[in-house]
Amino acid sequence: AIGLLVGVQSLCLYSAVARLPVALALLAFNTYP
């Protein structure tokens, strides 16, 4: 289940990187805490 979640996370994060300036994609991802 953890692996499935990280797989979805990887697809979503790279999808964000493909659409936004890289730094902004990572900043939005940095809300994970």
All heavy atoms as atom14 arrays in JSON, in Angstrom:
{
  "sequence": "AIGLLVGVQSLCLYSAVARLPVALALLAFNTYP",
  "atom14_mask": [
    [1, 1, 1, 1, 1, 0, 0, 0, 0, 0, 0, 0, 0, 0],
    [1, 1, 1, 1, 1, 1, 1, 1, 0, 0, 0, 0, 0, 0],
    [1, 1, 1, 1, 0, 0, 0, 0, 0, 0, 0, 0, 0, 0],
    [1, 1, 1, 1, 1, 1, 1, 1, 0, 0, 0, 0, 0, 0],
    [1, 1, 1, 1, 1, 1, 1, 1, 0, 0, 0, 0, 0, 0],
    [1, 1, 1, 1, 1, 1, 1, 0, 0, 0, 0, 0, 0, 0],
    [1, 1, 1, 1, 0, 0, 0, 0, 0, 0, 0, 0, 0, 0],
    [1, 1, 1, 1, 1, 1, 1, 0, 0, 0, 0, 0, 0, 0],
    [1, 1, 1, 1, 1, 1, 1, 1, 1, 0, 0, 0, 0, 0],
    [1, 1, 1, 1, 1, 1, 0, 0, 0, 0, 0, 0, 0, 0],
    [1, 1, 1, 1, 1, 1, 1, 1, 0, 0, 0, 0, 0, 0],
    [1, 1, 1, 1, 1, 1, 0, 0, 0, 0, 0, 0, 0, 0],
    [1, 1, 1, 1, 1, 1, 1, 1, 0, 0, 0, 0, 0, 0],
    [1, 1, 1, 1, 1, 1, 1, 1, 1, 1, 1, 1, 0, 0],
    [1, 1, 1, 1, 1, 1, 0, 0, 0, 0, 0, 0, 0, 0],
    [1, 1, 1, 1, 1, 0, 0, 0, 0, 0, 0, 0, 0, 0],
    [1, 1, 1, 1, 1, 1, 1, 0, 0, 0, 0, 0, 0, 0],
    [1, 1, 1, 1, 1, 0, 0, 0, 0, 0, 0, 0, 0, 0],
    [1, 1, 1, 1, 1, 1, 1, 1, 1, 1, 1, 0, 0, 0],
    [1, 1, 1, 1, 1, 1, 1, 1, 0, 0, 0, 0, 0, 0],
    [1, 1, 1, 1, 1, 1, 1, 0, 0, 0, 0, 0, 0, 0],
    [1, 1, 1, 1, 1, 1, 1, 0, 0, 0, 0, 0, 0, 0],
    [1, 1, 1, 1, 1, 0, 0, 0, 0, 0, 0, 0, 0, 0],
    [1, 1, 1, 1, 1, 1, 1, 1, 0, 0, 0, 0, 0, 0],
    [1, 1, 1, 1, 1, 0, 0, 0, 0, 0, 0, 0, 0, 0],
    [1, 1, 1, 1, 1, 1, 1, 1, 0, 0, 0, 0, 0, 0],
    [1, 1, 1, 1, 1, 1, 1, 1, 0, 0, 0, 0, 0, 0],
    [1, 1, 1, 1, 1, 0, 0, 0, 0, 0, 0, 0, 0, 0],
    [1, 1, 1, 1, 1, 1, 1, 1, 1, 1, 1, 0, 0, 0],
    [1, 1, 1, 1, 1, 1, 1, 1, 0, 0, 0, 0, 0, 0],
    [1, 1, 1, 1, 1, 1, 1, 0, 0, 0, 0, 0, 0, 0],
    [1, 1, 1, 1, 1, 1, 1, 1, 1, 1, 1, 1, 0, 0],
    [1, 1, 1, 1, 1, 1, 1, 0, 0, 0, 0, 0, 0, 0]
  ],
  "atom14_positions": [
    [[0.83, -1.2, 0.0], [0.0, 0.0, 0.0], [0.87, 1.25, 0.0], [0.59, 2.23, -0.72], [-0.92, 0.0, 1.23], [0.0, 0.0, 0.0], [0.0, 0.0, 0.0], [0.0, 0.0, 0.0], [0.0, 0.0, 0.0], [0.0, 0.0, 0.0], [0.0, 0.0, 0.0], [0.0, 0.0, 0.0], [0.0, 0.0, 0.0], [0.0, 0.0, 0.0]],
    [[1.94, 1.24, 0.78], [2.86, 2.38, 0.81], [3.51, 2.56, -0.56], [3.63, 3.68, -1.07], [3.93, 2.16, 1.9], [3.28, 2.22, 3.29], [5.04, 3.21, 1.79], [4.17, 1.74, 4.41], [0.0, 0.0, 0.0], [0.0, 0.0, 0.0], [0.0, 0.0, 0.0], [0.0, 0.0, 0.0], [0.0, 0.0, 0.0], [0.0, 0.0, 0.0]],
    [[3.91, 1.46, -1.17], [4.51, 1.53, -2.51], [3.54, 2.06, -3.54], [3.92, 2.85, -4.42], [0.0, 0.0, 0.0], [0.0, 0.0, 0.0], [0.0, 0.0, 0.0], [0.0, 0.0, 0.0], [0.0, 0.0, 0.0], [0.0, 0.0, 0.0], [0.0, 0.0, 0.0], [0.0, 0.0, 0.0], [0.0, 0.0, 0.0], [0.0, 0.0, 0.0]],
    [[2.28, 1.65, -3.44], [1.25, 2.16, -4.35], [1.09, 3.67, -4.2], [1.02, 4.4, -5.2], [-0.08, 1.46, -4.06], [-1.31, 1.98, -4.84], [-1.12, 1.76, -6.33], [-2.57, 1.27, -4.34], [0.0, 0.0, 0.0], [0.0, 0.0, 0.0], [0.0, 0.0, 0.0], [0.0, 0.0, 0.0], [0.0, 0.0, 0.0], [0.0, 0.0, 0.0]],
    [[1.06, 4.13, -2.96], [0.92, 5.58, -2.71], [2.12, 6.35, -3.27], [1.94, 7.4, -3.89], [0.8, 5.83, -1.21], [-0.53, 5.43, -0.57], [-0.43, 5.47, 0.95], [-1.65, 6.34, -1.04], [0.0, 0.0, 0.0], [0.0, 0.0, 0.0], [0.0, 0.0, 0.0], [0.0, 0.0, 0.0], [0.0, 0.0, 0.0], [0.0, 0.0, 0.0]],
    [[3.32, 5.83, -3.06], [4.51, 6.52, -3.57], [4.54, 6.47, -5.1], [5.0, 7.42, -5.75], [5.79, 5.92, -2.97], [7.04, 6.52, -3.62], [5.83, 6.18, -1.46], [0.0, 0.0, 0.0], [0.0, 0.0, 0.0], [0.0, 0.0, 0.0], [0.0, 0.0, 0.0], [0.0, 0.0, 0.0], [0.0, 0.0, 0.0], [0.0, 0.0, 0.0]],
    [[4.01, 5.39, -5.69], [3.91, 5.34, -7.14], [2.98, 6.42, -7.68], [3.32, 7.13, -8.64], [0.0, 0.0, 0.0], [0.0, 0.0, 0.0], [0.0, 0.0, 0.0], [0.0, 0.0, 0.0], [0.0, 0.0, 0.0], [0.0, 0.0, 0.0], [0.0, 0.0, 0.0], [0.0, 0.0, 0.0], [0.0, 0.0, 0.0], [0.0, 0.0, 0.0]],
    [[1.83, 6.59, -7.03], [0.9, 7.65, -7.44], [1.53, 9.01, -7.21], [1.42, 9.93, -8.04], [-0.42, 7.52, -6.64], [-1.33, 8.72, -6.92], [-1.13, 6.22, -7.01], [0.0, 0.0, 0.0], [0.0, 0.0, 0.0], [0.0, 0.0, 0.0], [0.0, 0.0, 0.0], [0.0, 0.0, 0.0], [0.0, 0.0, 0.0], [0.0, 0.0, 0.0]],
    [[2.22, 9.17, -6.06], [2.9, 10.44, -5.76], [3.93, 10.78, -6.83], [4.03, 11.93, -7.26], [3.58, 10.34, -4.4], [4.46, 11.53, -4.05], [5.95, 11.21, -4.17], [6.39, 10.15, -3.76], [6.71, 12.12, -4.72], [0.0, 0.0, 0.0], [0.0, 0.0, 0.0], [0.0, 0.0, 0.0], [0.0, 0.0, 0.0], [0.0, 0.0, 0.0]],
    [[4.7, 9.8, -7.28], [5.72, 10.03, -8.3], [5.09, 10.5, -9.6], [5.58, 11.46, -10.22], [6.52, 8.74, -8.53], [7.2, 8.34, -7.36], [0.0, 0.0, 0.0], [0.0, 0.0, 0.0], [0.0, 0.0, 0.0], [0.0, 0.0, 0.0], [0.0, 0.0, 0.0], [0.0, 0.0, 0.0], [0.0, 0.0, 0.0], [0.0, 0.0, 0.0]],
    [[4.02, 9.85, -10.01], [3.34, 10.24, -11.24], [2.77, 11.65, -11.12], [2.88, 12.46, -12.05], [2.22, 9.25, -11.55], [2.65, 7.84, -11.98], [1.44, 6.91, -12.01], [3.32, 7.87, -13.35], [0.0, 0.0, 0.0], [0.0, 0.0, 0.0], [0.0, 0.0, 0.0], [0.0, 0.0, 0.0], [0.0, 0.0, 0.0], [0.0, 0.0, 0.0]],
    [[2.17, 11.95, -9.97], [1.57, 13.28, -9.79], [2.63, 14.37, -9.73], [2.45, 15.44, -10.33], [0.73, 13.29, -8.51], [-0.81, 12.36, -8.61], [0.0, 0.0, 0.0], [0.0, 0.0, 0.0], [0.0, 0.0, 0.0], [0.0, 0.0, 0.0], [0.0, 0.0, 0.0], [0.0, 0.0, 0.0], [0.0, 0.0, 0.0], [0.0, 0.0, 0.0]],
    [[3.74, 14.12, -9.02], [4.76, 15.15, -8.89], [5.42, 15.45, -10.23], [5.62, 16.61, -10.59], [5.81, 14.73, -7.87], [6.91, 15.76, -7.59], [6.33, 17.11, -7.21], [7.84, 15.26, -6.5], [0.0, 0.0, 0.0], [0.0, 0.0, 0.0], [0.0, 0.0, 0.0], [0.0, 0.0, 0.0], [0.0, 0.0, 0.0], [0.0, 0.0, 0.0]],
    [[5.74, 14.41, -11.0], [6.33, 14.64, -12.32], [5.32, 15.31, -13.24], [5.69, 16.11, -14.11], [6.82, 13.33, -12.93], [8.25, 12.97, -12.56], [8.83, 11.8, -13.03], [9.02, 13.8, -11.76], [10.14, 11.47, -12.7], [10.32, 13.48, -11.43], [10.88, 12.3, -11.9], [12.17, 11.98, -11.58], [0.0, 0.0, 0.0], [0.0, 0.0, 0.0]],
    [[4.03, 15.01, -13.07], [3.0, 15.69, -13.87], [2.97, 17.18, -13.54], [2.75, 18.02, -14.41], [1.63, 15.06, -13.6], [1.59, 13.72, -14.06], [0.0, 0.0, 0.0], [0.0, 0.0, 0.0], [0.0, 0.0, 0.0], [0.0, 0.0, 0.0], [0.0, 0.0, 0.0], [0.0, 0.0, 0.0], [0.0, 0.0, 0.0], [0.0, 0.0, 0.0]],
    [[3.19, 17.51, -12.26], [3.26, 18.92, -11.86], [4.5, 19.58, -12.44], [4.44, 20.72, -12.94], [3.27, 19.03, -10.34], [0.0, 0.0, 0.0], [0.0, 0.0, 0.0], [0.0, 0.0, 0.0], [0.0, 0.0, 0.0], [0.0, 0.0, 0.0], [0.0, 0.0, 0.0], [0.0, 0.0, 0.0], [0.0, 0.0, 0.0], [0.0, 0.0, 0.0]],
    [[5.63, 18.88, -12.39], [6.89, 19.41, -12.94], [6.75, 19.67, -14.44], [7.34, 20.62, -14.97], [8.04, 18.42, -12.67], [9.28, 18.77, -13.48], [8.38, 18.43, -11.17], [0.0, 0.0, 0.0], [0.0, 0.0, 0.0], [0.0, 0.0, 0.0], [0.0, 0.0, 0.0], [0.0, 0.0, 0.0], [0.0, 0.0, 0.0], [0.0, 0.0, 0.0]],
    [[5.97, 18.84, -15.13], [5.78, 19.01, -16.56], [4.94, 20.24, -16.89], [4.98, 20.73, -18.02], [5.12, 17.77, -17.16], [0.0, 0.0, 0.0], [0.0, 0.0, 0.0], [0.0, 0.0, 0.0], [0.0, 0.0, 0.0], [0.0, 0.0, 0.0], [0.0, 0.0, 0.0], [0.0, 0.0, 0.0], [0.0, 0.0, 0.0], [0.0, 0.0, 0.0]],
    [[4.19, 20.77, -15.9], [3.24, 21.85, -16.16], [3.6, 23.18, -15.51], [3.09, 24.22, -15.93], [1.84, 21.43, -15.68], [1.23, 20.31, -16.51], [0.01, 19.71, -15.82], [-0.71, 18.8, -16.7], [-0.33, 17.53, -16.93], [0.76, 17.04, -16.34], [-1.03, 16.77, -17.75], [0.0, 0.0, 0.0], [0.0, 0.0, 0.0], [0.0, 0.0, 0.0]],
    [[4.43, 23.15, -14.47], [4.77, 24.35, -13.72], [6.27, 24.6, -13.76], [7.04, 23.68, -14.04], [4.37, 24.18, -12.25], [2.9, 24.07, -11.89], [2.76, 23.73, -10.4], [2.16, 25.36, -12.2], [0.0, 0.0, 0.0], [0.0, 0.0, 0.0], [0.0, 0.0, 0.0], [0.0, 0.0, 0.0], [0.0, 0.0, 0.0], [0.0, 0.0, 0.0]],
    [[6.72, 25.82, -13.46], [8.13, 25.98, -13.16], [8.52, 24.99, -12.08], [7.78, 24.79, -11.11], [8.21, 27.43, -12.67], [7.09, 28.12, -13.37], [5.99, 27.1, -13.42], [0.0, 0.0, 0.0], [0.0, 0.0, 0.0], [0.0, 0.0, 0.0], [0.0, 0.0, 0.0], [0.0, 0.0, 0.0], [0.0, 0.0, 0.0], [0.0, 0.0, 0.0]],
    [[9.67, 24.34, -12.23], [10.04, 23.23, -11.36], [9.98, 23.62, -9.89], [9.46, 22.88, -9.05], [11.45, 22.71, -11.73], [11.87, 21.59, -10.78], [11.46, 22.22, -13.18], [0.0, 0.0, 0.0], [0.0, 0.0, 0.0], [0.0, 0.0, 0.0], [0.0, 0.0, 0.0], [0.0, 0.0, 0.0], [0.0, 0.0, 0.0], [0.0, 0.0, 0.0]],
    [[10.52, 24.79, -9.56], [10.56, 25.2, -8.15], [9.15, 25.33, -7.57], [8.92, 24.95, -6.41], [11.31, 26.53, -8.02], [0.0, 0.0, 0.0], [0.0, 0.0, 0.0], [0.0, 0.0, 0.0], [0.0, 0.0, 0.0], [0.0, 0.0, 0.0], [0.0, 0.0, 0.0], [0.0, 0.0, 0.0], [0.0, 0.0, 0.0], [0.0, 0.0, 0.0]],
    [[8.21, 25.85, -8.34], [6.85, 26.01, -7.84], [6.17, 24.65, -7.64], [5.41, 24.47, -6.68], [6.03, 26.87, -8.79], [6.5, 28.32, -8.96], [5.52, 29.1, -9.82], [6.68, 29.0, -7.61], [0.0, 0.0, 0.0], [0.0, 0.0, 0.0], [0.0, 0.0, 0.0], [0.0, 0.0, 0.0], [0.0, 0.0, 0.0], [0.0, 0.0, 0.0]],
    [[6.43, 23.71, -8.52], [5.88, 22.37, -8.35], [6.39, 21.76, -7.05], [5.63, 21.16, -6.27], [6.27, 21.48, -9.54], [0.0, 0.0, 0.0], [0.0, 0.0, 0.0], [0.0, 0.0, 0.0], [0.0, 0.0, 0.0], [0.0, 0.0, 0.0], [0.0, 0.0, 0.0], [0.0, 0.0, 0.0], [0.0, 0.0, 0.0], [0.0, 0.0, 0.0]],
    [[7.69, 21.9, -6.78], [8.26, 21.34, -5.56], [7.78, 22.08, -4.32], [7.61, 21.47, -3.26], [9.79, 21.37, -5.64], [10.4, 20.48, -6.73], [11.92, 20.58, -6.71], [9.97, 19.03, -6.58], [0.0, 0.0, 0.0], [0.0, 0.0, 0.0], [0.0, 0.0, 0.0], [0.0, 0.0, 0.0], [0.0, 0.0, 0.0], [0.0, 0.0, 0.0]],
    [[7.56, 23.37, -4.43], [7.04, 24.12, -3.29], [5.63, 23.65, -2.92], [5.31, 23.47, -1.75], [7.02, 25.61, -3.6], [8.33, 26.36, -3.44], [8.19, 27.76, -3.98], [8.75, 26.39, -1.98], [0.0, 0.0, 0.0], [0.0, 0.0, 0.0], [0.0, 0.0, 0.0], [0.0, 0.0, 0.0], [0.0, 0.0, 0.0], [0.0, 0.0, 0.0]],
    [[4.77, 23.49, -3.92], [3.42, 22.99, -3.65], [3.49, 21.6, -3.05], [2.72, 21.26, -2.13], [2.59, 22.99, -4.93], [0.0, 0.0, 0.0], [0.0, 0.0, 0.0], [0.0, 0.0, 0.0], [0.0, 0.0, 0.0], [0.0, 0.0, 0.0], [0.0, 0.0, 0.0], [0.0, 0.0, 0.0], [0.0, 0.0, 0.0], [0.0, 0.0, 0.0]],
    [[4.42, 20.79, -3.52], [4.61, 19.45, -2.95], [5.1, 19.53, -1.51], [4.8, 18.67, -0.69], [5.6, 18.65, -3.8], [5.97, 17.34, -3.19], [5.06, 16.29, -3.13], [7.24, 17.14, -2.66], [5.4, 15.08, -2.55], [7.59, 15.93, -2.09], [6.67, 14.89, -2.04], [0.0, 0.0, 0.0], [0.0, 0.0, 0.0], [0.0, 0.0, 0.0]],
    [[5.83, 20.58, -1.18], [6.39, 20.73, 0.16], [5.34, 21.02, 1.23], [5.69, 21.21, 2.4], [7.46, 21.83, 0.18], [8.86, 21.27, 0.33], [9.12, 20.14, -0.09], [9.75, 22.02, 0.93], [0.0, 0.0, 0.0], [0.0, 0.0, 0.0], [0.0, 0.0, 0.0], [0.0, 0.0, 0.0], [0.0, 0.0, 0.0], [0.0, 0.0, 0.0]],
    [[4.07, 21.03, 0.84], [2.99, 21.09, 1.84], [2.73, 19.73, 2.47], [1.83, 19.61, 3.3], [1.69, 21.61, 1.21], [1.29, 20.72, 0.15], [1.86, 23.01, 0.64], [0.0, 0.0, 0.0], [0.0, 0.0, 0.0], [0.0, 0.0, 0.0], [0.0, 0.0, 0.0], [0.0, 0.0, 0.0], [0.0, 0.0, 0.0], [0.0, 0.0, 0.0]],
    [[3.52, 18.72, 2.11], [3.23, 17.37, 2.62], [3.26, 17.28, 4.16], [2.55, 16.42, 4.72], [4.16, 16.33, 1.99], [5.6, 16.38, 2.42], [6.02, 15.8, 3.6], [6.57, 17.0, 1.63], [7.35, 15.84, 4.0], [7.89, 17.04, 2.01], [8.28, 16.46, 3.19], [9.59, 16.5, 3.58], [0.0, 0.0, 0.0], [0.0, 0.0, 0.0]],
    [[4.03, 18.11, 4.91], [3.91, 18.01, 6.37], [2.49, 18.31, 6.87], [2.04, 17.73, 7.86], [4.91, 19.06, 6.88], [5.93, 19.18, 5.8], [5.13, 19.03, 4.53], [0.0, 0.0, 0.0], [0.0, 0.0, 0.0], [0.0, 0.0, 0.0], [0.0, 0.0, 0.0], [0.0, 0.0, 0.0], [0.0, 0.0, 0.0], [0.0, 0.0, 0.0]]
  ]
}
